[in-house]
Amino acid sequence: MDLIIIAGYFLALLVGISLGLVGSGGSILTVPILVYVLGFDAVTATGYSLFVVGGTALVGGVRNAILRNVDFSIVMLFGIPSLLAAYLVRAFAIPAVPYSIIDIGGLSLTKPLLLMIVFAIVMLAAAVKMIRSAPDTEAVYAISKSKLIASGTATGVLAGAVGAGGGFLIIPALVFLAGMPMKKAVGTSLFIIAVQSLAGFAGDAVGKEIDWPFLLPFTGVAIAGIVIGSYLSQKIDGTKLKTGFGYFVLLMGAYILVKELFIK
């Protein structure tokens, strides 16, 4: 087997471990792996990322449901708008964007370049969220259904556009808008990530040929990773881990921006 493919599978394991440890970060790793290590174009990579992250998060969500760490009423309230938004963006909005968007003075903004720039910005925003101090999960907050629905819609748009599951947005929303403790917020977030990501992939897959011989084993390795990550999460201080991961994401986001804009 090609060394690059082996490296890709090893990194897929890290994707799952990330989801199992901190409940987010899967897509933040998956898209760069698919683009920079395995050579997929940005449009394909963001679509495949939705399947990998969605399938992996589903396994983690089921495990958390067995442990009673999932609030299915919130999954419905947040997840349905997010699912619909992700599907519509991937099925209709992304295909409607032309390959060459702007061409001025020899400088061309293409759809893959735009997706990677937006993705890098999302990574930087995620890094800031992760590096900041954890919210006070002991406080009691009133559930804001309208804000949860709006947050679900916005997260679904993000998921569809750049292949990001949005855990770094979902978890704070569940803590602050639904008053959920962190452990239950992580479990509920995994279910929401699963439904919106798989819906986005379904929209993306319409009329396309999918490389299932690659995608299924890659996702299987990531699923093995989330099992490992879930076990490790019981042994490691989650706050310190999330902060360290945040700095890693910050560096990755900055690298992608520099590479896409200045190193061609």
Protein backbone atom coordinates (compact mmCIF):
# COMPACT_ATOMS: atom_id res chain seq x y z
CA MET A 1 0.00 0.00 0.00
CA ASP A 2 1.23 3.53 -0.86
CA LEU A 3 2.86 5.34 2.08
CA ILE A 4 0.67 8.39 1.44
CA ILE A 5 -2.46 6.26 1.79
CA ILE A 6 -1.11 4.71 5.00
CA ALA A 7 -0.41 8.21 6.35
CA GLY A 8 -3.96 9.22 5.39
CA TYR A 9 -5.45 6.30 7.33
CA PHE A 10 -3.29 7.08 10.36
CA LEU A 11 -4.50 10.67 10.28
CA ALA A 12 -8.09 9.41 9.93
CA LEU A 13 -7.55 7.68 13.27
CA LEU A 14 -6.62 11.08 14.75
CA VAL A 15 -9.86 12.54 13.34
CA GLY A 16 -11.88 10.04 15.34
CA ILE A 17 -9.76 10.48 18.45
CA SER A 18 -10.35 14.24 18.25
CA LEU A 19 -14.12 13.77 18.09
CA GLY A 20 -14.03 11.28 20.96
CA LEU A 21 -11.88 13.52 23.16
CA VAL A 22 -13.35 16.99 22.68
CA GLY A 23 -16.58 16.47 20.71
CA SER A 24 -15.36 18.60 17.81
CA GLY A 25 -12.45 19.09 15.45
CA GLY A 26 -13.20 16.19 13.11
CA SER A 27 -13.76 18.23 9.97
CA ILE A 28 -10.99 20.66 10.91
CA LEU A 29 -8.59 17.75 10.47
CA THR A 30 -10.40 15.82 7.73
CA VAL A 31 -10.49 18.50 5.02
CA PRO A 32 -6.74 19.31 5.19
CA ILE A 33 -5.94 15.58 5.24
CA LEU A 34 -8.01 14.97 2.11
CA VAL A 35 -6.65 18.03 0.28
CA TYR A 36 -2.98 18.24 1.30
CA VAL A 37 -2.14 14.60 2.07
CA LEU A 38 -4.40 12.57 -0.22
CA GLY A 39 -4.68 15.07 -3.09
CA PHE A 40 -8.45 15.56 -3.39
CA ASP A 41 -9.74 18.89 -4.70
CA ALA A 42 -11.40 21.18 -2.16
CA VAL A 43 -14.97 20.64 -3.40
CA THR A 44 -14.69 16.83 -3.22
CA ALA A 45 -12.83 17.00 0.10
CA THR A 46 -15.51 19.10 1.82
CA GLY A 47 -18.17 16.67 0.57
CA TYR A 48 -16.28 13.55 1.67
CA SER A 49 -15.51 15.19 5.00
CA LEU A 50 -19.24 15.37 5.71
CA PHE A 51 -19.55 11.59 5.35
CA VAL A 52 -16.45 10.80 7.42
CA VAL A 53 -17.38 13.17 10.24
CA GLY A 54 -21.08 12.28 10.09
CA GLY A 55 -20.50 8.53 10.24
CA THR A 56 -17.92 8.83 13.00
CA ALA A 57 -20.03 11.24 15.07
CA LEU A 58 -23.03 8.90 14.73
CA VAL A 59 -21.11 6.08 16.41
CA GLY A 60 -20.05 8.47 19.20
CA GLY A 61 -23.60 9.75 19.51
CA VAL A 62 -25.04 6.25 19.88
CA ARG A 63 -22.47 5.46 22.59
CA ASN A 64 -23.43 8.64 24.46
CA ALA A 65 -27.12 7.85 24.06
CA ILE A 66 -26.54 4.48 25.76
CA LEU A 67 -24.86 6.41 28.60
CA ARG A 68 -27.88 8.80 28.73
CA ASN A 69 -25.77 11.76 27.64
CA VAL A 70 -28.00 12.78 24.71
CA ASP A 71 -31.07 15.07 24.91
CA PHE A 72 -33.11 14.02 21.86
CA SER A 73 -35.58 16.90 22.22
CA ILE A 74 -32.67 19.28 21.68
CA VAL A 75 -31.35 17.11 18.83
CA MET A 76 -34.70 17.62 17.08
CA LEU A 77 -34.93 21.36 17.86
CA PHE A 78 -31.36 22.15 16.78
CA GLY A 79 -30.75 19.26 14.39
CA ILE A 80 -33.70 19.53 11.99
CA PRO A 81 -32.98 23.15 10.89
CA SER A 82 -29.28 22.28 10.70
CA LEU A 83 -29.98 19.13 8.64
CA LEU A 84 -32.19 21.01 6.16
CA ALA A 85 -29.72 23.88 5.81
CA ALA A 86 -26.76 21.54 5.22
CA TYR A 87 -28.67 19.55 2.58
CA LEU A 88 -29.91 22.63 0.69
CA VAL A 89 -26.51 24.35 0.68
CA ARG A 90 -24.71 21.24 -0.56
CA ALA A 91 -27.38 20.21 -3.09
CA PHE A 92 -28.12 23.63 -4.60
CA ALA A 93 -25.91 26.50 -3.38
CA ILE A 94 -22.45 24.93 -3.87
CA PRO A 95 -23.20 23.56 -7.39
CA ALA A 96 -24.56 27.01 -8.36
CA VAL A 97 -21.23 28.70 -7.61
CA PRO A 98 -19.15 28.90 -10.82
CA TYR A 99 -15.63 27.44 -10.82
CA SER A 100 -14.08 30.81 -11.66
CA ILE A 101 -15.70 33.46 -9.49
CA ILE A 102 -13.59 36.59 -10.08
CA ASP A 103 -10.69 37.16 -12.44
CA ILE A 104 -9.02 40.57 -12.08
CA GLY A 105 -5.62 41.43 -13.50
CA GLY A 106 -4.51 37.84 -13.74
CA LEU A 107 -5.63 37.06 -10.18
CA SER A 108 -8.35 34.41 -10.17
CA LEU A 109 -10.63 33.49 -7.27
CA THR A 110 -11.86 29.94 -7.96
CA LYS A 111 -14.47 27.92 -6.10
CA PRO A 112 -11.89 25.54 -4.53
CA LEU A 113 -9.78 28.52 -3.41
CA LEU A 114 -12.81 30.25 -1.90
CA LEU A 115 -13.81 27.10 -0.03
CA MET A 116 -10.31 26.68 1.44
CA ILE A 117 -10.14 30.35 2.47
CA VAL A 118 -13.53 30.16 4.17
CA PHE A 119 -12.50 26.88 5.78
CA ALA A 120 -9.30 28.46 7.13
CA ILE A 121 -11.32 31.32 8.61
CA VAL A 122 -13.64 28.77 10.25
CA MET A 123 -10.56 27.03 11.69
CA LEU A 124 -9.28 30.29 13.17
CA ALA A 125 -12.70 30.97 14.73
CA ALA A 126 -12.74 27.42 16.11
CA ALA A 127 -9.27 27.90 17.59
CA VAL A 128 -10.35 31.04 19.44
CA LYS A 129 -13.38 29.19 20.86
CA MET A 130 -11.22 26.30 22.03
CA ILE A 131 -8.45 28.42 23.54
CA ARG A 132 -10.82 30.57 25.58
CA SER A 133 -11.73 29.43 29.08
CA ALA A 134 -14.48 26.82 29.30
CA PRO A 135 -17.96 28.24 30.03
CA ASP A 136 -19.45 27.96 33.48
CA THR A 137 -21.42 24.76 33.05
CA GLU A 138 -22.83 24.86 36.59
CA ALA A 139 -24.89 27.96 35.93
CA VAL A 140 -28.54 27.59 34.94
CA TYR A 141 -29.68 29.14 31.67
CA ALA A 142 -33.18 29.54 30.28
CA ILE A 143 -33.76 27.56 27.09
CA SER A 144 -34.16 29.87 24.08
CA LYS A 145 -35.89 27.80 21.40
CA SER A 146 -35.78 30.55 18.77
CA LYS A 147 -32.04 31.04 19.28
CA LEU A 148 -31.44 27.29 19.16
CA ILE A 149 -33.29 27.07 15.83
CA ALA A 150 -31.34 30.05 14.45
CA SER A 151 -28.05 28.55 15.66
CA GLY A 152 -28.96 25.19 14.11
CA THR A 153 -29.69 26.84 10.76
CA ALA A 154 -26.42 28.81 10.80
CA THR A 155 -24.42 25.72 11.75
CA GLY A 156 -26.06 23.73 8.95
CA VAL A 157 -25.12 26.42 6.41
CA LEU A 158 -21.53 26.24 7.65
CA ALA A 159 -21.52 22.43 7.48
CA GLY A 160 -22.83 22.42 3.93
CA ALA A 161 -20.47 25.12 2.71
CA VAL A 162 -17.13 23.93 4.05
CA GLY A 163 -17.71 20.38 5.27
CA ALA A 164 -17.41 21.38 8.95
CA GLY A 165 -19.51 19.54 11.51
CA GLY A 166 -19.55 22.66 13.66
CA GLY A 167 -19.03 21.06 17.07
CA PHE A 168 -17.11 24.13 18.20
CA LEU A 169 -20.30 26.15 17.58
CA ILE A 170 -22.85 23.55 18.69
CA ILE A 171 -21.40 22.84 22.14
CA PRO A 172 -21.36 26.49 23.34
CA ALA A 173 -24.88 26.93 21.93
CA LEU A 174 -26.16 23.92 23.89
CA VAL A 175 -24.45 25.12 27.08
CA PHE A 176 -25.57 28.74 26.91
CA LEU A 177 -28.92 28.47 25.11
CA ALA A 178 -30.17 25.16 26.53
CA GLY A 179 -28.44 25.15 29.92
CA MET A 180 -26.88 21.73 29.34
CA PRO A 181 -23.91 20.40 31.36
CA MET A 182 -20.77 19.92 29.25
CA LYS A 183 -20.84 16.11 29.17
CA LYS A 184 -24.44 16.03 27.89
CA ALA A 185 -23.71 18.89 25.48
CA VAL A 186 -20.84 16.88 23.93
CA GLY A 187 -23.02 13.76 23.54
CA THR A 188 -25.93 15.74 22.07
CA SER A 189 -23.55 17.64 19.79
CA LEU A 190 -22.24 14.39 18.29
CA PHE A 191 -25.78 13.37 17.29
CA ILE A 192 -26.44 16.80 15.76
CA ILE A 193 -23.10 16.69 13.89
CA ALA A 194 -24.06 13.25 12.57
CA VAL A 195 -27.49 14.19 11.20
CA GLN A 196 -26.43 17.50 9.64
CA SER A 197 -23.20 16.13 8.15
CA LEU A 198 -24.84 13.06 6.63
CA ALA A 199 -27.65 15.25 5.26
CA GLY A 200 -25.07 17.55 3.71
CA PHE A 201 -23.29 14.57 2.16
CA ALA A 202 -26.59 13.27 0.77
CA GLY A 203 -27.13 16.63 -0.91
CA ASP A 204 -23.59 16.61 -2.26
CA ALA A 205 -23.80 13.03 -3.57
CA VAL A 206 -26.77 13.68 -5.87
CA GLY A 207 -25.69 12.80 -9.39
CA LYS A 208 -22.04 12.27 -8.42
CA GLU A 209 -19.80 9.22 -8.49
CA ILE A 210 -18.52 8.51 -4.97
CA ASP A 211 -15.22 6.71 -4.36
CA TRP A 212 -16.69 4.22 -1.86
CA PRO A 213 -13.63 1.87 -1.88
CA PHE A 214 -11.66 4.77 -0.38
CA LEU A 215 -14.37 6.50 1.67
CA LEU A 216 -15.71 3.52 3.62
CA PRO A 217 -12.34 2.22 4.95
CA PHE A 218 -11.23 5.78 5.73
CA THR A 219 -14.42 6.34 7.72
CA GLY A 220 -14.01 2.95 9.43
CA VAL A 221 -10.57 3.96 10.71
CA ALA A 222 -11.99 7.26 11.99
CA ILE A 223 -14.73 5.31 13.80
CA ALA A 224 -12.05 3.21 15.50
CA GLY A 225 -10.47 6.49 16.53
CA ILE A 226 -13.60 7.83 18.21
CA VAL A 227 -13.78 4.65 20.31
CA ILE A 228 -10.18 5.26 21.42
CA GLY A 229 -10.86 8.96 22.00
CA SER A 230 -13.95 8.26 24.09
CA TYR A 231 -11.89 5.98 26.33
CA LEU A 232 -9.04 8.51 26.60
CA SER A 233 -11.49 11.30 27.47
CA GLN A 234 -12.07 9.58 30.81
CA LYS A 235 -8.33 9.78 31.59
CA ILE A 236 -7.34 13.24 30.32
CA ASP A 237 -8.25 16.74 31.56
CA GLY A 238 -10.64 17.90 28.84
CA THR A 239 -10.06 21.63 29.42
CA LYS A 240 -6.27 21.40 28.94
CA LEU A 241 -6.72 19.10 25.96
CA LYS A 242 -9.14 21.45 24.22
CA THR A 243 -6.82 24.43 24.80
CA GLY A 244 -3.84 22.56 23.33
CA PHE A 245 -5.90 21.39 20.37
CA GLY A 246 -7.05 24.99 19.89
CA TYR A 247 -3.46 26.19 19.42
CA PHE A 248 -2.86 23.38 16.92
CA VAL A 249 -5.97 24.41 14.95
CA LEU A 250 -4.82 28.05 15.04
CA LEU A 251 -1.52 27.09 13.40
CA MET A 252 -3.28 24.90 10.81
CA GLY A 253 -5.73 27.66 9.88
CA ALA A 254 -2.91 30.19 9.48
CA TYR A 255 -0.93 27.68 7.38
CA ILE A 256 -3.87 27.07 5.02
CA LEU A 257 -4.43 30.81 4.52
CA VAL A 258 -0.75 31.42 3.76
CA LYS A 259 -0.48 28.39 1.45
CA GLU A 260 -3.64 29.14 -0.52
CA LEU A 261 -3.01 32.88 -0.87
CA PHE A 262 0.78 33.14 -1.17
CA ILE A 263 2.36 29.73 -1.92
CA LYS A 264 1.15 28.36 -5.22
